[in-house]
Amino acid sequence: MLLSEKNNVENDEICKNFINLNIFSDNIKHGNINFSPNQSPISIGRSPECDIIIDDNMLSRFHCFIEYKNGKWFVTDGYVEDNSIKKSTNGTWIYAFDDILVTNGMTFKANKNIFICTFE
């Protein structure tokens, strides 16, 4: 299920705690990992500076990030530099919104890499 913050979402689908990312790819350096709100934002990309490093030449060095704000998790394409968001080269496949509210069981894709988000 892919929903924007503007859509109606049941309360039990919105997380206020840990997010679990189950990552499916042949080239991952991480697999099934958990993050707490105080570890936000979580950066994903090829750079060794990212929290989740994926060896995939089609990903940007800083491809996308997952951020906890106002009691909810959001995924955003690109990265923050000089207080503005720089979009990734090849995009993160979620709806065409700037920030997407992460819901329990949500899936998003970055090139061949599939991320399934669940809450704990």
PDB file of N, CA and C in Angstrom:
ATOM      1  N   MET A   1       0.851  -1.162   0.000  1.00  0.00           N
ATOM      2  CA  MET A   1       0.000   0.000   0.000  1.00  0.00           C
ATOM      3  C   MET A   1       0.898   1.226   0.000  1.00  0.00           C
ATOM      4  N   LEU A   2       0.694   2.155  -0.909  1.00  0.00           N
ATOM      5  CA  LEU A   2       1.443   3.391  -0.971  1.00  0.00           C
ATOM      6  C   LEU A   2       0.472   4.526  -0.729  1.00  0.00           C
ATOM      7  N   LEU A   3       0.701   5.294   0.313  1.00  0.00           N
ATOM      8  CA  LEU A   3      -0.216   6.369   0.659  1.00  0.00           C
ATOM      9  C   LEU A   3       0.549   7.645   0.940  1.00  0.00           C
ATOM     10  N   SER A   4       0.005   8.750   0.528  1.00  0.00           N
ATOM     11  CA  SER A   4       0.604  10.026   0.894  1.00  0.00           C
ATOM     12  C   SER A   4       0.034  10.443   2.241  1.00  0.00           C
ATOM     13  N   GLU A   5       0.640  11.428   2.851  1.00  0.00           N
ATOM     14  CA  GLU A   5       0.165  11.902   4.143  1.00  0.00           C
ATOM     15  C   GLU A   5      -1.263  12.422   4.024  1.00  0.00           C
ATOM     16  N   LYS A   6      -1.671  12.871   2.849  1.00  0.00           N
ATOM     17  CA  LYS A   6      -2.991  13.447   2.657  1.00  0.00           C
ATOM     18  C   LYS A   6      -4.085  12.396   2.609  1.00  0.00           C
ATOM     19  N   ASN A   7      -3.729  11.132   2.364  1.00  0.00           N
ATOM     20  CA  ASN A   7      -4.724  10.059   2.311  1.00  0.00           C
ATOM     21  C   ASN A   7      -5.173   9.696   3.721  1.00  0.00           C
ATOM     22  N   ASN A   8      -6.336   9.076   3.810  1.00  0.00           N
ATOM     23  CA  ASN A   8      -6.802   8.558   5.097  1.00  0.00           C
ATOM     24  C   ASN A   8      -6.041   7.293   5.426  1.00  0.00           C
ATOM     25  N   VAL A   9      -5.479   7.242   6.610  1.00  0.00           N
ATOM     26  CA  VAL A   9      -4.699   6.092   7.043  1.00  0.00           C
ATOM     27  C   VAL A   9      -5.208   5.684   8.411  1.00  0.00           C
ATOM     28  N   GLU A  10      -5.437   4.393   8.589  1.00  0.00           N
ATOM     29  CA  GLU A  10      -5.867   3.887   9.884  1.00  0.00           C
ATOM     30  C   GLU A  10      -4.759   4.101  10.906  1.00  0.00           C
ATOM     31  N   ASN A  11      -5.128   4.384  12.159  1.00  0.00           N
ATOM     32  CA  ASN A  11      -4.140   4.657  13.207  1.00  0.00           C
ATOM     33  C   ASN A  11      -3.150   3.526  13.403  1.00  0.00           C
ATOM     34  N   ASP A  12      -3.574   2.257  13.246  1.00  0.00           N
ATOM     35  CA  ASP A  12      -2.669   1.141  13.478  1.00  0.00           C
ATOM     36  C   ASP A  12      -1.657   0.973  12.344  1.00  0.00           C
ATOM     37  N   GLU A  13      -1.832   1.686  11.245  1.00  0.00           N
ATOM     38  CA  GLU A  13      -0.877   1.606  10.143  1.00  0.00           C
ATOM     39  C   GLU A  13       0.244   2.628  10.281  1.00  0.00           C
ATOM     40  N   ILE A  14       0.086   3.591  11.189  1.00  0.00           N
ATOM     41  CA  ILE A  14       1.086   4.636  11.358  1.00  0.00           C
ATOM     42  C   ILE A  14       1.955   4.292  12.560  1.00  0.00           C
ATOM     43  N   CYS A  15       3.260   4.331  12.352  1.00  0.00           N
ATOM     44  CA  CYS A  15       4.194   3.949  13.398  1.00  0.00           C
ATOM     45  C   CYS A  15       4.613   5.138  14.238  1.00  0.00           C
ATOM     46  N   LYS A  16       4.781   4.904  15.512  1.00  0.00           N
ATOM     47  CA  LYS A  16       5.349   5.909  16.383  1.00  0.00           C
ATOM     48  C   LYS A  16       6.592   5.366  17.061  1.00  0.00           C
ATOM     49  N   ASN A  17       7.109   4.241  16.559  1.00  0.00           N
ATOM     50  CA  ASN A  17       8.264   3.611  17.161  1.00  0.00           C
ATOM     51  C   ASN A  17       9.285   3.199  16.114  1.00  0.00           C
ATOM     52  N   PHE A  18       9.776   1.981  16.219  1.00  0.00           N
ATOM     53  CA  PHE A  18      10.830   1.484  15.337  1.00  0.00           C
ATOM     54  C   PHE A  18      10.299   1.167  13.945  1.00  0.00           C
ATOM     55  N   ILE A  19      11.155   1.380  12.943  1.00  0.00           N
ATOM     56  CA  ILE A  19      10.842   0.966  11.579  1.00  0.00           C
ATOM     57  C   ILE A  19      11.800  -0.162  11.211  1.00  0.00           C
ATOM     58  N   ASN A  20      11.273  -1.185  10.571  1.00  0.00           N
ATOM     59  CA  ASN A  20      12.060  -2.311  10.101  1.00  0.00           C
ATOM     60  C   ASN A  20      12.093  -2.250   8.580  1.00  0.00           C
ATOM     61  N   LEU A  21      13.303  -2.292   7.992  1.00  0.00           N
ATOM     62  CA  LEU A  21      13.459  -2.291   6.544  1.00  0.00           C
ATOM     63  C   LEU A  21      13.961  -3.648   6.105  1.00  0.00           C
ATOM     64  N   ASN A  22      13.170  -4.325   5.311  1.00  0.00           N
ATOM     65  CA  ASN A  22      13.551  -5.600   4.725  1.00  0.00           C
ATOM     66  C   ASN A  22      13.957  -5.284   3.295  1.00  0.00           C
ATOM     67  N   ILE A  23      15.248  -5.462   2.967  1.00  0.00           N
ATOM     68  CA  ILE A  23      15.789  -5.032   1.685  1.00  0.00           C
ATOM     69  C   ILE A  23      16.108  -6.247   0.832  1.00  0.00           C
ATOM     70  N   PHE A  24      15.559  -6.261  -0.378  1.00  0.00           N
ATOM     71  CA  PHE A  24      15.776  -7.360  -1.310  1.00  0.00           C
ATOM     72  C   PHE A  24      16.597  -6.861  -2.485  1.00  0.00           C
ATOM     73  N   SER A  25      17.803  -7.430  -2.645  1.00  0.00           N
ATOM     74  CA  SER A  25      18.695  -7.069  -3.745  1.00  0.00           C
ATOM     75  C   SER A  25      19.861  -8.038  -3.752  1.00  0.00           C
ATOM     76  N   ASP A  26      20.458  -8.225  -4.919  1.00  0.00           N
ATOM     77  CA  ASP A  26      21.644  -9.075  -5.000  1.00  0.00           C
ATOM     78  C   ASP A  26      22.889  -8.378  -4.485  1.00  0.00           C
ATOM     79  N   ASN A  27      22.868  -7.045  -4.445  1.00  0.00           N
ATOM     80  CA  ASN A  27      24.079  -6.287  -4.146  1.00  0.00           C
ATOM     81  C   ASN A  27      24.055  -5.565  -2.804  1.00  0.00           C
ATOM     82  N   ILE A  28      23.210  -5.981  -1.868  1.00  0.00           N
ATOM     83  CA  ILE A  28      23.101  -5.232  -0.623  1.00  0.00           C
ATOM     84  C   ILE A  28      24.250  -5.532   0.317  1.00  0.00           C
ATOM     85  N   LYS A  29      24.542  -4.566   1.151  1.00  0.00           N
ATOM     86  CA  LYS A  29      25.509  -4.747   2.225  1.00  0.00           C
ATOM     87  C   LYS A  29      24.782  -4.915   3.552  1.00  0.00           C
ATOM     88  N   HIS A  30      23.487  -4.622   3.580  1.00  0.00           N
ATOM     89  CA  HIS A  30      22.640  -4.785   4.760  1.00  0.00           C
ATOM     90  C   HIS A  30      21.395  -5.536   4.315  1.00  0.00           C
ATOM     91  N   GLY A  31      20.701  -6.146   5.226  1.00  0.00           N
ATOM     92  CA  GLY A  31      19.495  -6.886   4.880  1.00  0.00           C
ATOM     93  C   GLY A  31      18.297  -6.386   5.625  1.00  0.00           C
ATOM     94  N   ASN A  32      17.871  -7.098   6.634  1.00  0.00           N
ATOM     95  CA  ASN A  32      16.708  -6.766   7.436  1.00  0.00           C
ATOM     96  C   ASN A  32      17.194  -5.995   8.657  1.00  0.00           C
ATOM     97  N   ILE A  33      16.914  -4.698   8.727  1.00  0.00           N
ATOM     98  CA  ILE A  33      17.454  -3.880   9.815  1.00  0.00           C
ATOM     99  C   ILE A  33      16.383  -2.981  10.419  1.00  0.00           C
ATOM    100  N   ASN A  34      16.579  -2.638  11.687  1.00  0.00           N
ATOM    101  CA  ASN A  34      15.650  -1.798  12.447  1.00  0.00           C
ATOM    102  C   ASN A  34      16.290  -0.465  12.766  1.00  0.00           C
ATOM    103  N   PHE A  35      15.458   0.571  12.789  1.00  0.00           N
ATOM    104  CA  PHE A  35      15.910   1.897  13.178  1.00  0.00           C
ATOM    105  C   PHE A  35      14.912   2.487  14.153  1.00  0.00           C
ATOM    106  N   SER A  36      15.406   3.243  15.128  1.00  0.00           N
ATOM    107  CA  SER A  36      14.549   3.947  16.069  1.00  0.00           C
ATOM    108  C   SER A  36      14.396   5.392  15.606  1.00  0.00           C
ATOM    109  N   PRO A  37      13.400   6.099  16.102  1.00  0.00           N
ATOM    110  CA  PRO A  37      13.216   7.493  15.703  1.00  0.00           C
ATOM    111  C   PRO A  37      14.454   8.364  15.939  1.00  0.00           C
ATOM    112  N   ASN A  38      15.224   8.071  16.994  1.00  0.00           N
ATOM    113  CA  ASN A  38      16.398   8.913  17.256  1.00  0.00           C
ATOM    114  C   ASN A  38      17.551   8.641  16.290  1.00  0.00           C
ATOM    115  N   GLN A  39      17.426   7.653  15.406  1.00  0.00           N
ATOM    116  CA  GLN A  39      18.431   7.388  14.371  1.00  0.00           C
ATOM    117  C   GLN A  39      18.083   8.087  13.055  1.00  0.00           C
ATOM    118  N   SER A  40      16.995   8.813  13.040  1.00  0.00           N
ATOM    119  CA  SER A  40      16.525   9.512  11.852  1.00  0.00           C
ATOM    120  C   SER A  40      17.361  10.767  11.605  1.00  0.00           C
ATOM    121  N   PRO A  41      17.585  11.145  10.340  1.00  0.00           N
ATOM    122  CA  PRO A  41      17.180  10.499   9.109  1.00  0.00           C
ATOM    123  C   PRO A  41      18.101   9.339   8.745  1.00  0.00           C
ATOM    124  N   ILE A  42      17.557   8.378   8.011  1.00  0.00           N
ATOM    125  CA  ILE A  42      18.280   7.189   7.567  1.00  0.00           C
ATOM    126  C   ILE A  42      18.592   7.382   6.084  1.00  0.00           C
ATOM    127  N   SER A  43      19.854   7.478   5.742  1.00  0.00           N
ATOM    128  CA  SER A  43      20.237   7.705   4.345  1.00  0.00           C
ATOM    129  C   SER A  43      20.500   6.380   3.645  1.00  0.00           C
ATOM    130  N   ILE A  44      20.097   6.324   2.357  1.00  0.00           N
ATOM    131  CA  ILE A  44      20.252   5.123   1.533  1.00  0.00           C
ATOM    132  C   ILE A  44      20.950   5.524   0.240  1.00  0.00           C
ATOM    133  N   GLY A  45      21.988   4.786  -0.143  1.00  0.00           N
ATOM    134  CA  GLY A  45      22.692   5.076  -1.391  1.00  0.00           C
ATOM    135  C   GLY A  45      23.991   4.306  -1.502  1.00  0.00           C
ATOM    136  N   ARG A  46      24.828   4.711  -2.472  1.00  0.00           N
ATOM    137  CA  ARG A  46      26.114   4.045  -2.714  1.00  0.00           C
ATOM    138  C   ARG A  46      27.237   4.560  -1.822  1.00  0.00           C
ATOM    139  N   SER A  47      27.095   5.753  -1.282  1.00  0.00           N
ATOM    140  CA  SER A  47      28.177   6.376  -0.516  1.00  0.00           C
ATOM    141  C   SER A  47      28.452   5.626   0.786  1.00  0.00           C
ATOM    142  N   PRO A  48      29.738   5.510   1.154  1.00  0.00           N
ATOM    143  CA  PRO A  48      30.073   4.902   2.443  1.00  0.00           C
ATOM    144  C   PRO A  48      29.542   5.718   3.617  1.00  0.00           C
ATOM    145  N   GLU A  49      29.120   6.937   3.362  1.00  0.00           N
ATOM    146  CA  GLU A  49      28.563   7.793   4.415  1.00  0.00           C
ATOM    147  C   GLU A  49      27.098   7.479   4.698  1.00  0.00           C
ATOM    148  N   CYS A  50      26.445   6.668   3.856  1.00  0.00           N
ATOM    149  CA  CYS A  50      25.026   6.338   4.040  1.00  0.00           C
ATOM    150  C   CYS A  50      24.841   5.342   5.178  1.00  0.00           C
ATOM    151  N   ASP A  51      23.659   5.370   5.767  1.00  0.00           N
ATOM    152  CA  ASP A  51      23.313   4.395   6.800  1.00  0.00           C
ATOM    153  C   ASP A  51      23.078   3.020   6.195  1.00  0.00           C
ATOM    154  N   ILE A  52      22.491   2.989   4.993  1.00  0.00           N
ATOM    155  CA  ILE A  52      22.296   1.747   4.252  1.00  0.00           C
ATOM    156  C   ILE A  52      23.055   1.902   2.943  1.00  0.00           C
ATOM    157  N   ILE A  53      24.126   1.118   2.790  1.00  0.00           N
ATOM    158  CA  ILE A  53      24.999   1.208   1.621  1.00  0.00           C
ATOM    159  C   ILE A  53      24.643   0.083   0.659  1.00  0.00           C
ATOM    160  N   ILE A  54      24.328   0.449  -0.591  1.00  0.00           N
ATOM    161  CA  ILE A  54      23.968  -0.536  -1.593  1.00  0.00           C
ATOM    162  C   ILE A  54      24.891  -0.362  -2.789  1.00  0.00           C
ATOM    163  N   ASP A  55      25.573  -1.432  -3.156  1.00  0.00           N
ATOM    164  CA  ASP A  55      26.503  -1.416  -4.280  1.00  0.00           C
ATOM    165  C   ASP A  55      25.712  -1.598  -5.572  1.00  0.00           C
ATOM    166  N   ASP A  56      25.206  -0.486  -6.106  1.00  0.00           N
ATOM    167  CA  ASP A  56      24.380  -0.499  -7.307  1.00  0.00           C
ATOM    168  C   ASP A  56      24.684   0.787  -8.072  1.00  0.00           C
ATOM    169  N   ASN A  57      25.327   0.666  -9.231  1.00  0.00           N
ATOM    170  CA  ASN A  57      25.743   1.835  -9.992  1.00  0.00           C
ATOM    171  C   ASN A  57      24.589   2.709 -10.466  1.00  0.00           C
ATOM    172  N   MET A  58      23.372   2.179 -10.478  1.00  0.00           N
ATOM    173  CA  MET A  58      22.214   2.978 -10.894  1.00  0.00           C
ATOM    174  C   MET A  58      21.663   3.833  -9.752  1.00  0.00           C
ATOM    175  N   LEU A  59      22.156   3.620  -8.534  1.00  0.00           N
ATOM    176  CA  LEU A  59      21.732   4.451  -7.411  1.00  0.00           C
ATOM    177  C   LEU A  59      22.651   5.654  -7.305  1.00  0.00           C
ATOM    178  N   SER A  60      22.104   6.746  -6.817  1.00  0.00           N
ATOM    179  CA  SER A  60      22.919   7.917  -6.534  1.00  0.00           C
ATOM    180  C   SER A  60      23.740   7.652  -5.278  1.00  0.00           C
ATOM    181  N   ARG A  61      24.773   8.457  -5.092  1.00  0.00           N
ATOM    182  CA  ARG A  61      25.579   8.303  -3.874  1.00  0.00           C
ATOM    183  C   ARG A  61      24.687   8.451  -2.642  1.00  0.00           C
ATOM    184  N   PHE A  62      23.798   9.425  -2.657  1.00  0.00           N
ATOM    185  CA  PHE A  62      22.782   9.606  -1.625  1.00  0.00           C
ATOM    186  C   PHE A  62      21.444   9.559  -2.353  1.00  0.00           C
ATOM    187  N   HIS A  63      20.806   8.390  -2.370  1.00  0.00           N
ATOM    188  CA  HIS A  63      19.645   8.167  -3.236  1.00  0.00           C
ATOM    189  C   HIS A  63      18.330   8.636  -2.609  1.00  0.00           C
ATOM    190  N   CYS A  64      18.093   8.252  -1.361  1.00  0.00           N
ATOM    191  CA  CYS A  64      16.870   8.663  -0.674  1.00  0.00           C
ATOM    192  C   CYS A  64      17.114   8.598   0.822  1.00  0.00           C
ATOM    193  N   PHE A  65      16.152   9.101   1.581  1.00  0.00           N
ATOM    194  CA  PHE A  65      16.268   9.007   3.035  1.00  0.00           C
ATOM    195  C   PHE A  65      14.902   8.780   3.648  1.00  0.00           C
ATOM    196  N   ILE A  66      14.926   8.170   4.822  1.00  0.00           N
ATOM    197  CA  ILE A  66      13.714   7.917   5.595  1.00  0.00           C
ATOM    198  C   ILE A  66      13.852   8.730   6.868  1.00  0.00           C
ATOM    199  N   GLU A  67      12.823   9.509   7.160  1.00  0.00           N
ATOM    200  CA  GLU A  67      12.911  10.456   8.270  1.00  0.00           C
ATOM    201  C   GLU A  67      11.704  10.332   9.182  1.00  0.00           C
ATOM    202  N   TYR A  68      11.950  10.432  10.475  1.00  0.00           N
ATOM    203  CA  TYR A  68      10.889  10.415  11.483  1.00  0.00           C
ATOM    204  C   TYR A  68      10.600  11.864  11.870  1.00  0.00           C
ATOM    205  N   LYS A  69       9.367  12.310  11.636  1.00  0.00           N
ATOM    206  CA  LYS A  69       9.005  13.668  12.037  1.00  0.00           C
ATOM    207  C   LYS A  69       7.529  13.713  12.410  1.00  0.00           C
ATOM    208  N   ASN A  70       7.249  14.464  13.432  1.00  0.00           N
ATOM    209  CA  ASN A  70       5.881  14.626  13.929  1.00  0.00           C
ATOM    210  C   ASN A  70       5.202  13.290  14.222  1.00  0.00           C
ATOM    211  N   GLY A  71       5.977  12.324  14.753  1.00  0.00           N
ATOM    212  CA  GLY A  71       5.415  11.043  15.152  1.00  0.00           C
ATOM    213  C   GLY A  71       5.160  10.065  14.025  1.00  0.00           C
ATOM    214  N   LYS A  72       5.699  10.344  12.819  1.00  0.00           N
ATOM    215  CA  LYS A  72       5.479   9.468  11.665  1.00  0.00           C
ATOM    216  C   LYS A  72       6.773   9.320  10.882  1.00  0.00           C
ATOM    217  N   TRP A  73       6.863   8.241  10.092  1.00  0.00           N
ATOM    218  CA  TRP A  73       8.004   8.000   9.218  1.00  0.00           C
ATOM    219  C   TRP A  73       7.648   8.435   7.791  1.00  0.00           C
ATOM    220  N   PHE A  74       8.618   9.047   7.094  1.00  0.00           N
ATOM    221  CA  PHE A  74       8.443   9.483   5.714  1.00  0.00           C
ATOM    222  C   PHE A  74       9.645   9.040   4.896  1.00  0.00           C
ATOM    223  N   VAL A  75       9.424   8.726   3.614  1.00  0.00           N
ATOM    224  CA  VAL A  75      10.527   8.434   2.697  1.00  0.00           C
ATOM    225  C   VAL A  75      10.543   9.554   1.654  1.00  0.00           C
ATOM    226  N   THR A  76      11.754  10.037   1.343  1.00  0.00           N
ATOM    227  CA  THR A  76      11.934  11.138   0.402  1.00  0.00           C
ATOM    228  C   THR A  76      13.052  10.797  -0.566  1.00  0.00           C
ATOM    229  N   ASP A  77      12.833  11.048  -1.846  1.00  0.00           N
ATOM    230  CA  ASP A  77      13.858  10.850  -2.864  1.00  0.00           C
ATOM    231  C   ASP A  77      14.921  11.928  -2.714  1.00  0.00           C
ATOM    232  N   GLY A  78      16.190  11.556  -2.838  1.00  0.00           N
ATOM    233  CA  GLY A  78      17.290  12.515  -2.791  1.00  0.00           C
ATOM    234  C   GLY A  78      17.919  12.642  -1.421  1.00  0.00           C
ATOM    235  N   TYR A  79      18.509  13.797  -1.167  1.00  0.00           N
ATOM    236  CA  TYR A  79      19.186  14.069   0.100  1.00  0.00           C
ATOM    237  C   TYR A  79      19.114  15.560   0.371  1.00  0.00           C
ATOM    238  N   VAL A  80      19.424  15.951   1.600  1.00  0.00           N
ATOM    239  CA  VAL A  80      19.378  17.352   1.993  1.00  0.00           C
ATOM    240  C   VAL A  80      20.779  17.939   1.924  1.00  0.00           C
ATOM    241  N   GLU A  81      20.882  19.065   1.220  1.00  0.00           N
ATOM    242  CA  GLU A  81      22.145  19.795   1.150  1.00  0.00           C
ATOM    243  C   GLU A  81      21.821  21.280   1.157  1.00  0.00           C
ATOM    244  N   ASP A  82      22.487  22.026   2.037  1.00  0.00           N
ATOM    245  CA  ASP A  82      22.250  23.468   2.147  1.00  0.00           C
ATOM    246  C   ASP A  82      20.764  23.785   2.336  1.00  0.00           C
ATOM    247  N   ASN A  83      20.113  23.030   3.226  1.00  0.00           N
ATOM    248  CA  ASN A  83      18.705  23.222   3.586  1.00  0.00           C
ATOM    249  C   ASN A  83      17.721  23.041   2.429  1.00  0.00           C
ATOM    250  N   SER A  84      18.124  22.352   1.364  1.00  0.00           N
ATOM    251  CA  SER A  84      17.184  22.029   0.295  1.00  0.00           C
ATOM    252  C   SER A  84      17.396  20.580  -0.118  1.00  0.00           C
ATOM    253  N   ILE A  85      16.368  19.979  -0.713  1.00  0.00           N
ATOM    254  CA  ILE A  85      16.442  18.572  -1.114  1.00  0.00           C
ATOM    255  C   ILE A  85      16.958  18.480  -2.540  1.00  0.00           C
ATOM    256  N   LYS A  86      18.026  17.720  -2.719  1.00  0.00           N
ATOM    257  CA  LYS A  86      18.590  17.433  -4.038  1.00  0.00           C
ATOM    258  C   LYS A  86      18.062  16.067  -4.454  1.00  0.00           C
ATOM    259  N   LYS A  87      17.362  15.989  -5.558  1.00  0.00           N
ATOM    260  CA  LYS A  87      16.768  14.734  -6.018  1.00  0.00           C
ATOM    261  C   LYS A  87      17.841  13.775  -6.536  1.00  0.00           C
ATOM    262  N   SER A  88      17.573  12.469  -6.432  1.00  0.00           N
ATOM    263  CA  SER A  88      18.490  11.467  -6.968  1.00  0.00           C
ATOM    264  C   SER A  88      18.425  11.483  -8.497  1.00  0.00           C
ATOM    265  N   THR A  89      19.435  10.927  -9.133  1.00  0.00           N
ATOM    266  CA  THR A  89      19.497  10.913 -10.597  1.00  0.00           C
ATOM    267  C   THR A  89      18.392  10.057 -11.206  1.00  0.00           C
ATOM    268  N   ASN A  90      18.180   8.848 -10.692  1.00  0.00           N
ATOM    269  CA  ASN A  90      17.236   7.917 -11.300  1.00  0.00           C
ATOM    270  C   ASN A  90      15.923   7.758 -10.549  1.00  0.00           C
ATOM    271  N   GLY A  91      15.743   8.467  -9.465  1.00  0.00           N
ATOM    272  CA  GLY A  91      14.469   8.453  -8.750  1.00  0.00           C
ATOM    273  C   GLY A  91      14.269   7.271  -7.824  1.00  0.00           C
ATOM    274  N   THR A  92      13.340   7.457  -6.924  1.00  0.00           N
ATOM    275  CA  THR A  92      12.905   6.429  -5.991  1.00  0.00           C
ATOM    276  C   THR A  92      11.440   6.190  -6.317  1.00  0.00           C
ATOM    277  N   TRP A  93      11.054   4.968  -6.592  1.00  0.00           N
ATOM    278  CA  TRP A  93       9.735   4.694  -7.134  1.00  0.00           C
ATOM    279  C   TRP A  93       8.681   4.560  -6.057  1.00  0.00           C
ATOM    280  N   ILE A  94       8.104   5.714  -5.780  1.00  0.00           N
ATOM    281  CA  ILE A  94       6.948   5.861  -4.921  1.00  0.00           C
ATOM    282  C   ILE A  94       6.101   6.896  -5.642  1.00  0.00           C
ATOM    283  N   TYR A  95       4.974   7.256  -5.140  1.00  0.00           N
ATOM    284  CA  TYR A  95       4.161   8.244  -5.844  1.00  0.00           C
ATOM    285  C   TYR A  95       4.928   9.537  -6.072  1.00  0.00           C
ATOM    286  N   ALA A  96       4.389  10.433  -6.846  1.00  0.00           N
ATOM    287  CA  ALA A  96       5.076  11.661  -7.248  1.00  0.00           C
ATOM    288  C   ALA A  96       4.959  12.770  -6.205  1.00  0.00           C
ATOM    289  N   PHE A  97       4.903  12.424  -4.961  1.00  0.00           N
ATOM    290  CA  PHE A  97       4.882  13.412  -3.891  1.00  0.00           C
ATOM    291  C   PHE A  97       6.301  13.625  -3.388  1.00  0.00           C
ATOM    292  N   ASP A  98       6.529  14.756  -2.740  1.00  0.00           N
ATOM    293  CA  ASP A  98       7.864  15.019  -2.200  1.00  0.00           C
ATOM    294  C   ASP A  98       8.180  14.103  -1.025  1.00  0.00           C
ATOM    295  N   ASP A  99       7.288  14.017  -0.073  1.00  0.00           N
ATOM    296  CA  ASP A  99       7.442  13.141   1.088  1.00  0.00           C
ATOM    297  C   ASP A  99       6.293  12.154   1.072  1.00  0.00           C
ATOM    298  N   ILE A 100       6.596  10.879   1.281  1.00  0.00           N
ATOM    299  CA  ILE A 100       5.567   9.854   1.330  1.00  0.00           C
ATOM    300  C   ILE A 100       5.492   9.312   2.752  1.00  0.00           C
ATOM    301  N   LEU A 101       4.303   9.311   3.298  1.00  0.00           N
ATOM    302  CA  LEU A 101       4.078   8.722   4.606  1.00  0.00           C
ATOM    303  C   LEU A 101       4.292   7.225   4.502  1.00  0.00           C
ATOM    304  N   VAL A 102       5.135   6.688   5.358  1.00  0.00           N
ATOM    305  CA  VAL A 102       5.392   5.249   5.369  1.00  0.00           C
ATOM    306  C   VAL A 102       4.293   4.579   6.186  1.00  0.00           C
ATOM    307  N   THR A 103       3.666   3.566   5.594  1.00  0.00           N
ATOM    308  CA  THR A 103       2.649   2.796   6.300  1.00  0.00           C
ATOM    309  C   THR A 103       3.142   1.364   6.467  1.00  0.00           C
ATOM    310  N   ASN A 104       2.554   0.655   7.404  1.00  0.00           N
ATOM    311  CA  ASN A 104       2.961  -0.706   7.693  1.00  0.00           C
ATOM    312  C   ASN A 104       2.765  -1.589   6.467  1.00  0.00           C
ATOM    313  N   GLY A 105       3.835  -2.237   6.009  1.00  0.00           N
ATOM    314  CA  GLY A 105       3.783  -3.109   4.845  1.00  0.00           C
ATOM    315  C   GLY A 105       4.070  -2.395   3.535  1.00  0.00           C
ATOM    316  N   MET A 106       4.312  -1.095   3.579  1.00  0.00           N
ATOM    317  CA  MET A 106       4.585  -0.323   2.363  1.00  0.00           C
ATOM    318  C   MET A 106       5.852  -0.824   1.677  1.00  0.00           C
ATOM    319  N   THR A 107       5.832  -0.812   0.333  1.00  0.00           N
ATOM    320  CA  THR A 107       6.981  -1.201  -0.468  1.00  0.00           C
ATOM    321  C   THR A 107       7.385  -0.026  -1.339  1.00  0.00           C
ATOM    322  N   PHE A 108       8.701   0.234  -1.430  1.00  0.00           N
ATOM    323  CA  PHE A 108       9.185   1.189  -2.420  1.00  0.00           C
ATOM    324  C   PHE A 108      10.424   0.613  -3.078  1.00  0.00           C
ATOM    325  N   LYS A 109      10.777   1.174  -4.242  1.00  0.00           N
ATOM    326  CA  LYS A 109      11.843   0.616  -5.055  1.00  0.00           C
ATOM    327  C   LYS A 109      12.841   1.699  -5.454  1.00  0.00           C
ATOM    328  N   ALA A 110      14.112   1.348  -5.439  1.00  0.00           N
ATOM    329  CA  ALA A 110      15.190   2.196  -5.946  1.00  0.00           C
ATOM    330  C   ALA A 110      16.028   1.299  -6.849  1.00  0.00           C
ATOM    331  N   ASN A 111      15.909   1.484  -8.171  1.00  0.00           N
ATOM    332  CA  ASN A 111      16.499   0.615  -9.185  1.00  0.00           C
ATOM    333  C   ASN A 111      16.052  -0.822  -8.945  1.00  0.00           C
ATOM    334  N   LYS A 112      16.982  -1.788  -8.762  1.00  0.00           N
ATOM    335  CA  LYS A 112      16.611  -3.189  -8.558  1.00  0.00           C
ATOM    336  C   LYS A 112      16.353  -3.519  -7.092  1.00  0.00           C
ATOM    337  N   ASN A 113      16.466  -2.541  -6.223  1.00  0.00           N
ATOM    338  CA  ASN A 113      16.394  -2.756  -4.786  1.00  0.00           C
ATOM    339  C   ASN A 113      14.983  -2.472  -4.270  1.00  0.00           C
ATOM    340  N   ILE A 114      14.417  -3.466  -3.576  1.00  0.00           N
ATOM    341  CA  ILE A 114      13.056  -3.355  -3.062  1.00  0.00           C
ATOM    342  C   ILE A 114      13.121  -3.270  -1.542  1.00  0.00           C
ATOM    343  N   PHE A 115      12.381  -2.301  -0.990  1.00  0.00           N
ATOM    344  CA  PHE A 115      12.344  -2.066   0.443  1.00  0.00           C
ATOM    345  C   PHE A 115      10.924  -2.300   0.930  1.00  0.00           C
ATOM    346  N   ILE A 116      10.779  -3.167   1.921  1.00  0.00           N
ATOM    347  CA  ILE A 116       9.484  -3.385   2.552  1.00  0.00           C
ATOM    348  C   ILE A 116       9.590  -2.841   3.969  1.00  0.00           C
ATOM    349  N   CYS A 117       8.686  -1.932   4.296  1.00  0.00           N
ATOM    350  CA  CYS A 117       8.718  -1.243   5.590  1.00  0.00           C
ATOM    351  C   CYS A 117       7.658  -1.824   6.522  1.00  0.00           C
ATOM    352  N   THR A 118       8.078  -2.210   7.712  1.00  0.00           N
ATOM    353  CA  THR A 118       7.139  -2.643   8.741  1.00  0.00           C
ATOM    354  C   THR A 118       7.521  -1.958  10.044  1.00  0.00           C
ATOM    355  N   PHE A 119       6.583  -1.954  10.981  1.00  0.00           N
ATOM    356  CA  PHE A 119       6.789  -1.287  12.255  1.00  0.00           C
ATOM    357  C   PHE A 119       6.870  -2.293  13.388  1.00  0.00           C
ATOM    358  N   GLU A 120       7.598  -1.915  14.425  1.00  0.00           N
ATOM    359  CA  GLU A 120       7.688  -2.742  15.640  1.00  0.00           C
ATOM    360  C   GLU A 120       7.257  -1.918  16.820  1.00  0.00           C
TER     361      GLU A 120
END
